[in-house]
Amino acid sequence: MEKQPFTNAGFQALQAMLYINSDAELNQEADQITHDFIGWIITHFELDPSQVVFLVEIEHRVLSFIAAQTSFAVANRLNIQLDKPLFSYDAEEKPGKIIKTTTTLSAESSNTGDADGEGSLTIHIEYPS
């Protein structure tokens, strides 16, 4: 699978490629997201070195939370949006970057083992002024 640009269009293109896979293949992707989110991002998106550094520096609990949400969305073929400014980021000119999520994800499961998920996930990357 070819790497996508780290943009909303890139996220959409990756989802289109992933979501044609079988449920078993998609669940493998979701497991990779849960167990090695940074590695999964690096494998699937074109990142410059500063973006990799930012990923590595995200606080572990926040990274785990985002990974869990992303994994759930992927496993259930739900929409993921990346809300990121189009401008180029210059750490010297604009120090600081914030990542956060908003979601309408929900899950349900029955006593027979049936499960379903719905909603969407938006990952926001902001550069405070």
N, C-alpha and C. Protein backbone atom coordinates (compact mmCIF):
# COMPACT_ATOMS: atom_id res chain seq x y z
N MET A 1 0.85 -1.16 0.00
CA MET A 1 0.00 0.00 0.00
C MET A 1 0.90 1.23 0.00
N GLU A 2 0.66 2.14 -0.93
CA GLU A 2 1.52 3.31 -1.02
C GLU A 2 1.20 4.31 0.09
N LYS A 3 2.26 5.04 0.50
CA LYS A 3 2.08 6.05 1.55
C LYS A 3 1.25 7.21 1.02
N GLN A 4 0.49 7.77 1.92
CA GLN A 4 -0.37 8.91 1.59
C GLN A 4 0.18 10.18 2.23
N PRO A 5 -0.14 11.34 1.68
CA PRO A 5 0.25 12.58 2.35
C PRO A 5 -0.49 12.70 3.68
N PHE A 6 0.13 13.35 4.64
CA PHE A 6 -0.48 13.52 5.95
C PHE A 6 -1.41 14.73 5.91
N THR A 7 -2.53 14.53 5.22
CA THR A 7 -3.57 15.54 5.02
C THR A 7 -4.91 14.84 5.15
N ASN A 8 -5.99 15.61 5.21
CA ASN A 8 -7.30 14.98 5.26
C ASN A 8 -7.54 14.16 3.99
N ALA A 9 -7.12 14.68 2.84
CA ALA A 9 -7.28 13.92 1.60
C ALA A 9 -6.49 12.61 1.68
N GLY A 10 -5.32 12.65 2.29
CA GLY A 10 -4.52 11.44 2.46
C GLY A 10 -5.21 10.44 3.38
N PHE A 11 -5.80 10.94 4.48
CA PHE A 11 -6.57 10.06 5.37
C PHE A 11 -7.73 9.42 4.62
N GLN A 12 -8.42 10.22 3.82
CA GLN A 12 -9.57 9.71 3.07
C GLN A 12 -9.13 8.65 2.05
N ALA A 13 -8.01 8.90 1.37
CA ALA A 13 -7.50 7.93 0.39
C ALA A 13 -7.10 6.63 1.08
N LEU A 14 -6.44 6.74 2.23
CA LEU A 14 -6.04 5.53 2.96
C LEU A 14 -7.28 4.75 3.40
N GLN A 15 -8.28 5.46 3.92
CA GLN A 15 -9.51 4.77 4.33
C GLN A 15 -10.14 4.02 3.16
N ALA A 16 -10.18 4.66 2.00
CA ALA A 16 -10.77 4.01 0.83
C ALA A 16 -10.02 2.72 0.50
N MET A 17 -8.70 2.75 0.61
CA MET A 17 -7.91 1.54 0.33
C MET A 17 -8.11 0.49 1.42
N LEU A 18 -8.12 0.92 2.68
CA LEU A 18 -8.27 -0.03 3.78
C LEU A 18 -9.66 -0.67 3.81
N TYR A 19 -10.68 0.14 3.58
CA TYR A 19 -12.05 -0.32 3.79
C TYR A 19 -12.54 -1.27 2.72
N ILE A 20 -11.76 -1.51 1.65
CA ILE A 20 -12.13 -2.54 0.69
C ILE A 20 -11.60 -3.91 1.11
N ASN A 21 -10.75 -3.94 2.15
CA ASN A 21 -10.20 -5.19 2.66
C ASN A 21 -11.27 -6.01 3.36
N SER A 22 -10.98 -7.28 3.54
CA SER A 22 -11.88 -8.16 4.29
C SER A 22 -11.91 -7.73 5.75
N ASP A 23 -12.89 -8.19 6.49
CA ASP A 23 -12.97 -7.87 7.92
C ASP A 23 -11.72 -8.36 8.64
N ALA A 24 -11.24 -9.55 8.29
CA ALA A 24 -10.04 -10.09 8.95
C ALA A 24 -8.82 -9.21 8.70
N GLU A 25 -8.65 -8.76 7.45
CA GLU A 25 -7.52 -7.89 7.12
C GLU A 25 -7.65 -6.54 7.83
N LEU A 26 -8.86 -6.04 7.88
CA LEU A 26 -9.09 -4.75 8.53
C LEU A 26 -8.85 -4.86 10.04
N ASN A 27 -9.24 -5.98 10.63
CA ASN A 27 -8.97 -6.19 12.06
C ASN A 27 -7.47 -6.28 12.34
N GLN A 28 -6.69 -6.82 11.41
CA GLN A 28 -5.23 -6.83 11.56
C GLN A 28 -4.69 -5.41 11.57
N GLU A 29 -5.20 -4.57 10.68
CA GLU A 29 -4.79 -3.16 10.66
C GLU A 29 -5.15 -2.50 11.99
N ALA A 30 -6.36 -2.75 12.47
CA ALA A 30 -6.80 -2.15 13.73
C ALA A 30 -5.90 -2.60 14.88
N ASP A 31 -5.51 -3.86 14.88
CA ASP A 31 -4.59 -4.36 15.92
C ASP A 31 -3.23 -3.67 15.83
N GLN A 32 -2.74 -3.46 14.62
CA GLN A 32 -1.46 -2.75 14.45
C GLN A 32 -1.56 -1.33 14.99
N ILE A 33 -2.69 -0.69 14.74
CA ILE A 33 -2.90 0.67 15.24
C ILE A 33 -2.84 0.68 16.77
N THR A 34 -3.50 -0.27 17.39
CA THR A 34 -3.52 -0.36 18.85
C THR A 34 -2.14 -0.62 19.42
N HIS A 35 -1.39 -1.53 18.81
CA HIS A 35 -0.12 -1.97 19.39
C HIS A 35 1.08 -1.12 18.99
N ASP A 36 1.03 -0.45 17.84
CA ASP A 36 2.16 0.37 17.39
C ASP A 36 1.64 1.51 16.53
N PHE A 37 0.94 2.43 17.17
CA PHE A 37 0.30 3.53 16.45
C PHE A 37 1.31 4.36 15.68
N ILE A 38 2.43 4.69 16.32
CA ILE A 38 3.44 5.50 15.64
C ILE A 38 3.98 4.75 14.42
N GLY A 39 4.30 3.49 14.58
CA GLY A 39 4.79 2.70 13.45
C GLY A 39 3.77 2.61 12.33
N TRP A 40 2.50 2.47 12.70
CA TRP A 40 1.44 2.39 11.70
C TRP A 40 1.34 3.71 10.93
N ILE A 41 1.39 4.82 11.64
CA ILE A 41 1.34 6.14 10.98
C ILE A 41 2.53 6.30 10.03
N ILE A 42 3.73 5.97 10.51
CA ILE A 42 4.94 6.11 9.69
C ILE A 42 4.86 5.23 8.45
N THR A 43 4.28 4.04 8.58
CA THR A 43 4.16 3.11 7.45
C THR A 43 3.17 3.61 6.40
N HIS A 44 2.13 4.31 6.84
CA HIS A 44 1.05 4.67 5.92
C HIS A 44 1.05 6.11 5.42
N PHE A 45 1.83 6.99 6.07
CA PHE A 45 1.80 8.40 5.68
C PHE A 45 3.20 8.95 5.41
N GLU A 46 3.27 9.89 4.48
CA GLU A 46 4.51 10.61 4.20
C GLU A 46 4.68 11.67 5.29
N LEU A 47 5.72 11.53 6.09
CA LEU A 47 5.97 12.46 7.18
C LEU A 47 7.38 13.03 7.05
N ASP A 48 7.52 14.28 7.44
CA ASP A 48 8.87 14.82 7.50
C ASP A 48 9.42 14.53 8.91
N PRO A 49 10.73 14.66 9.10
CA PRO A 49 11.32 14.30 10.40
C PRO A 49 10.69 15.02 11.60
N SER A 50 10.30 16.28 11.44
CA SER A 50 9.71 17.00 12.57
C SER A 50 8.36 16.40 12.97
N GLN A 51 7.62 15.85 12.01
CA GLN A 51 6.34 15.22 12.32
C GLN A 51 6.56 13.92 13.10
N VAL A 52 7.60 13.17 12.75
CA VAL A 52 7.92 11.95 13.48
C VAL A 52 8.32 12.30 14.91
N VAL A 53 9.13 13.34 15.07
CA VAL A 53 9.54 13.79 16.41
C VAL A 53 8.31 14.16 17.22
N PHE A 54 7.36 14.88 16.62
CA PHE A 54 6.15 15.26 17.33
C PHE A 54 5.38 14.02 17.79
N LEU A 55 5.24 13.03 16.91
CA LEU A 55 4.53 11.79 17.29
C LEU A 55 5.18 11.12 18.49
N VAL A 56 6.50 11.04 18.47
CA VAL A 56 7.23 10.38 19.54
C VAL A 56 7.09 11.14 20.86
N GLU A 57 6.91 12.45 20.78
CA GLU A 57 6.84 13.28 21.98
C GLU A 57 5.42 13.41 22.56
N ILE A 58 4.41 12.86 21.89
CA ILE A 58 3.05 12.92 22.43
C ILE A 58 3.00 12.10 23.72
N GLU A 59 2.38 12.66 24.73
CA GLU A 59 2.28 11.98 26.02
C GLU A 59 1.62 10.61 25.81
N HIS A 60 2.18 9.58 26.45
CA HIS A 60 1.80 8.19 26.21
C HIS A 60 0.30 7.94 26.38
N ARG A 61 -0.30 8.48 27.43
CA ARG A 61 -1.73 8.23 27.65
C ARG A 61 -2.59 8.85 26.55
N VAL A 62 -2.19 10.02 26.09
CA VAL A 62 -2.93 10.67 24.99
C VAL A 62 -2.75 9.86 23.71
N LEU A 63 -1.54 9.43 23.43
CA LEU A 63 -1.27 8.63 22.24
C LEU A 63 -2.08 7.33 22.28
N SER A 64 -2.12 6.68 23.42
CA SER A 64 -2.90 5.44 23.56
C SER A 64 -4.39 5.69 23.34
N PHE A 65 -4.88 6.81 23.84
CA PHE A 65 -6.29 7.18 23.67
C PHE A 65 -6.62 7.40 22.19
N ILE A 66 -5.75 8.15 21.50
CA ILE A 66 -5.97 8.41 20.07
C ILE A 66 -5.87 7.11 19.28
N ALA A 67 -4.91 6.25 19.64
CA ALA A 67 -4.74 4.97 18.96
C ALA A 67 -5.99 4.10 19.14
N ALA A 68 -6.54 4.07 20.35
CA ALA A 68 -7.73 3.26 20.61
C ALA A 68 -8.92 3.76 19.79
N GLN A 69 -9.09 5.07 19.74
CA GLN A 69 -10.19 5.63 18.96
C GLN A 69 -10.00 5.32 17.47
N THR A 70 -8.77 5.50 16.98
CA THR A 70 -8.49 5.25 15.57
C THR A 70 -8.69 3.78 15.23
N SER A 71 -8.20 2.90 16.09
CA SER A 71 -8.36 1.46 15.88
C SER A 71 -9.84 1.08 15.81
N PHE A 72 -10.63 1.60 16.73
CA PHE A 72 -12.06 1.32 16.75
C PHE A 72 -12.72 1.81 15.46
N ALA A 73 -12.38 3.03 15.05
CA ALA A 73 -12.97 3.59 13.82
C ALA A 73 -12.60 2.74 12.61
N VAL A 74 -11.34 2.36 12.51
CA VAL A 74 -10.90 1.55 11.37
C VAL A 74 -11.59 0.18 11.38
N ALA A 75 -11.60 -0.49 12.53
CA ALA A 75 -12.21 -1.82 12.61
C ALA A 75 -13.68 -1.81 12.22
N ASN A 76 -14.34 -0.67 12.44
CA ASN A 76 -15.77 -0.56 12.15
C ASN A 76 -16.06 0.22 10.87
N ARG A 77 -14.99 0.48 10.09
CA ARG A 77 -15.12 1.19 8.80
C ARG A 77 -15.80 2.55 8.96
N LEU A 78 -15.45 3.24 10.03
CA LEU A 78 -16.05 4.55 10.31
C LEU A 78 -15.18 5.67 9.74
N ASN A 79 -15.77 6.81 9.58
CA ASN A 79 -15.07 7.94 8.99
C ASN A 79 -14.08 8.57 9.97
N ILE A 80 -12.88 8.82 9.48
CA ILE A 80 -11.85 9.54 10.24
C ILE A 80 -11.46 10.76 9.41
N GLN A 81 -11.48 11.91 10.05
CA GLN A 81 -11.07 13.15 9.40
C GLN A 81 -9.81 13.66 10.07
N LEU A 82 -8.94 14.27 9.31
CA LEU A 82 -7.79 14.97 9.85
C LEU A 82 -8.02 16.46 9.64
N ASP A 83 -8.09 17.20 10.72
CA ASP A 83 -8.28 18.65 10.67
C ASP A 83 -6.92 19.28 10.97
N LYS A 84 -6.22 19.65 9.90
CA LYS A 84 -4.85 20.15 10.02
C LYS A 84 -4.68 21.30 9.05
N PRO A 85 -4.10 22.41 9.52
CA PRO A 85 -3.87 23.52 8.60
C PRO A 85 -3.02 23.10 7.41
N LEU A 86 -3.25 23.74 6.28
CA LEU A 86 -2.50 23.40 5.08
C LEU A 86 -1.13 24.06 5.03
N PHE A 87 -0.92 25.09 5.85
CA PHE A 87 0.36 25.79 5.78
C PHE A 87 1.49 24.93 6.31
N SER A 88 2.68 25.29 5.92
CA SER A 88 3.87 24.58 6.38
C SER A 88 4.22 25.03 7.79
N TYR A 89 4.58 24.09 8.63
CA TYR A 89 4.89 24.37 10.03
C TYR A 89 6.38 24.63 10.18
N ASP A 90 6.72 25.73 10.84
CA ASP A 90 8.11 26.06 11.13
C ASP A 90 8.25 26.18 12.65
N ALA A 91 8.92 25.20 13.27
CA ALA A 91 9.04 25.15 14.73
C ALA A 91 9.71 26.38 15.30
N GLU A 92 10.63 26.98 14.56
CA GLU A 92 11.30 28.18 15.07
C GLU A 92 10.37 29.38 15.02
N GLU A 93 9.54 29.43 13.99
CA GLU A 93 8.64 30.57 13.82
C GLU A 93 7.40 30.45 14.70
N LYS A 94 6.86 29.24 14.83
CA LYS A 94 5.62 29.01 15.60
C LYS A 94 5.84 27.84 16.54
N PRO A 95 6.43 28.08 17.68
CA PRO A 95 6.64 26.96 18.59
C PRO A 95 5.31 26.44 19.13
N GLY A 96 5.25 25.14 19.30
CA GLY A 96 4.06 24.53 19.88
C GLY A 96 3.13 23.95 18.84
N LYS A 97 2.57 22.83 19.20
CA LYS A 97 1.60 22.15 18.36
C LYS A 97 0.73 21.35 19.33
N ILE A 98 -0.55 21.28 19.04
CA ILE A 98 -1.49 20.56 19.90
C ILE A 98 -2.23 19.54 19.05
N ILE A 99 -2.39 18.34 19.60
CA ILE A 99 -3.21 17.32 18.95
C ILE A 99 -4.36 16.97 19.90
N LYS A 100 -5.56 16.88 19.34
CA LYS A 100 -6.72 16.49 20.14
C LYS A 100 -7.73 15.83 19.22
N THR A 101 -8.67 15.14 19.81
CA THR A 101 -9.70 14.48 19.02
C THR A 101 -11.08 14.94 19.46
N THR A 102 -12.00 14.88 18.52
CA THR A 102 -13.42 14.98 18.83
C THR A 102 -14.06 13.77 18.16
N THR A 103 -15.07 13.24 18.80
CA THR A 103 -15.63 12.00 18.32
C THR A 103 -17.12 11.88 18.63
N THR A 104 -17.78 11.15 17.79
CA THR A 104 -19.16 10.73 18.05
C THR A 104 -19.21 9.20 18.07
N LEU A 105 -18.06 8.56 18.31
CA LEU A 105 -17.99 7.11 18.31
C LEU A 105 -18.86 6.52 19.41
N SER A 106 -19.53 5.42 19.08
CA SER A 106 -20.27 4.68 20.09
C SER A 106 -20.20 3.21 19.72
N ALA A 107 -20.35 2.36 20.74
CA ALA A 107 -20.25 0.91 20.54
C ALA A 107 -21.39 0.23 21.25
N GLU A 108 -21.79 -0.91 20.70
CA GLU A 108 -22.77 -1.74 21.38
C GLU A 108 -22.43 -3.20 21.12
N SER A 109 -22.76 -4.02 22.07
CA SER A 109 -22.51 -5.45 21.97
C SER A 109 -23.64 -6.19 22.67
N SER A 110 -23.97 -7.35 22.15
CA SER A 110 -25.02 -8.16 22.75
C SER A 110 -24.41 -9.36 23.46
N ASN A 111 -25.23 -10.07 24.19
CA ASN A 111 -24.75 -11.26 24.89
C ASN A 111 -24.47 -12.42 23.93
N THR A 112 -24.81 -12.26 22.65
CA THR A 112 -24.51 -13.29 21.65
C THR A 112 -23.19 -13.03 20.94
N GLY A 113 -22.51 -11.95 21.33
CA GLY A 113 -21.21 -11.65 20.73
C GLY A 113 -21.28 -10.71 19.55
N ASP A 114 -22.48 -10.32 19.16
CA ASP A 114 -22.60 -9.34 18.08
C ASP A 114 -22.13 -8.00 18.59
N ALA A 115 -21.41 -7.28 17.74
CA ALA A 115 -20.92 -5.96 18.12
C ALA A 115 -21.08 -5.02 16.94
N ASP A 116 -21.23 -3.76 17.26
CA ASP A 116 -21.37 -2.75 16.22
C ASP A 116 -20.81 -1.44 16.73
N GLY A 117 -20.27 -0.67 15.82
CA GLY A 117 -19.78 0.66 16.15
C GLY A 117 -20.34 1.65 15.16
N GLU A 118 -20.47 2.88 15.61
CA GLU A 118 -20.94 3.93 14.71
C GLU A 118 -20.33 5.25 15.14
N GLY A 119 -20.49 6.24 14.27
CA GLY A 119 -19.98 7.57 14.56
C GLY A 119 -18.79 7.92 13.69
N SER A 120 -18.07 8.94 14.11
CA SER A 120 -16.90 9.40 13.37
C SER A 120 -15.86 9.95 14.34
N LEU A 121 -14.66 10.10 13.82
CA LEU A 121 -13.53 10.59 14.61
C LEU A 121 -12.86 11.71 13.82
N THR A 122 -12.56 12.81 14.49
CA THR A 122 -11.78 13.87 13.89
C THR A 122 -10.54 14.07 14.74
N ILE A 123 -9.39 14.05 14.10
CA ILE A 123 -8.12 14.32 14.76
C ILE A 123 -7.72 15.73 14.36
N HIS A 124 -7.60 16.59 15.37
CA HIS A 124 -7.26 17.99 15.14
C HIS A 124 -5.78 18.21 15.46
N ILE A 125 -5.11 18.91 14.58
CA ILE A 125 -3.75 19.35 14.86
C ILE A 125 -3.78 20.87 14.75
N GLU A 126 -3.41 21.53 15.84
CA GLU A 126 -3.50 22.99 15.91
C GLU A 126 -2.15 23.58 16.26
N TYR A 127 -1.93 24.77 15.80
CA TYR A 127 -0.73 25.53 16.10
C TYR A 127 -1.16 26.82 16.81
N PRO A 128 -1.06 26.82 18.15
CA PRO A 128 -1.52 28.01 18.88
C PRO A 128 -0.70 29.24 18.52
N SER A 129 -1.35 30.40 18.58
CA SER A 129 -0.63 31.64 18.25
C SER A 129 0.04 32.20 19.47
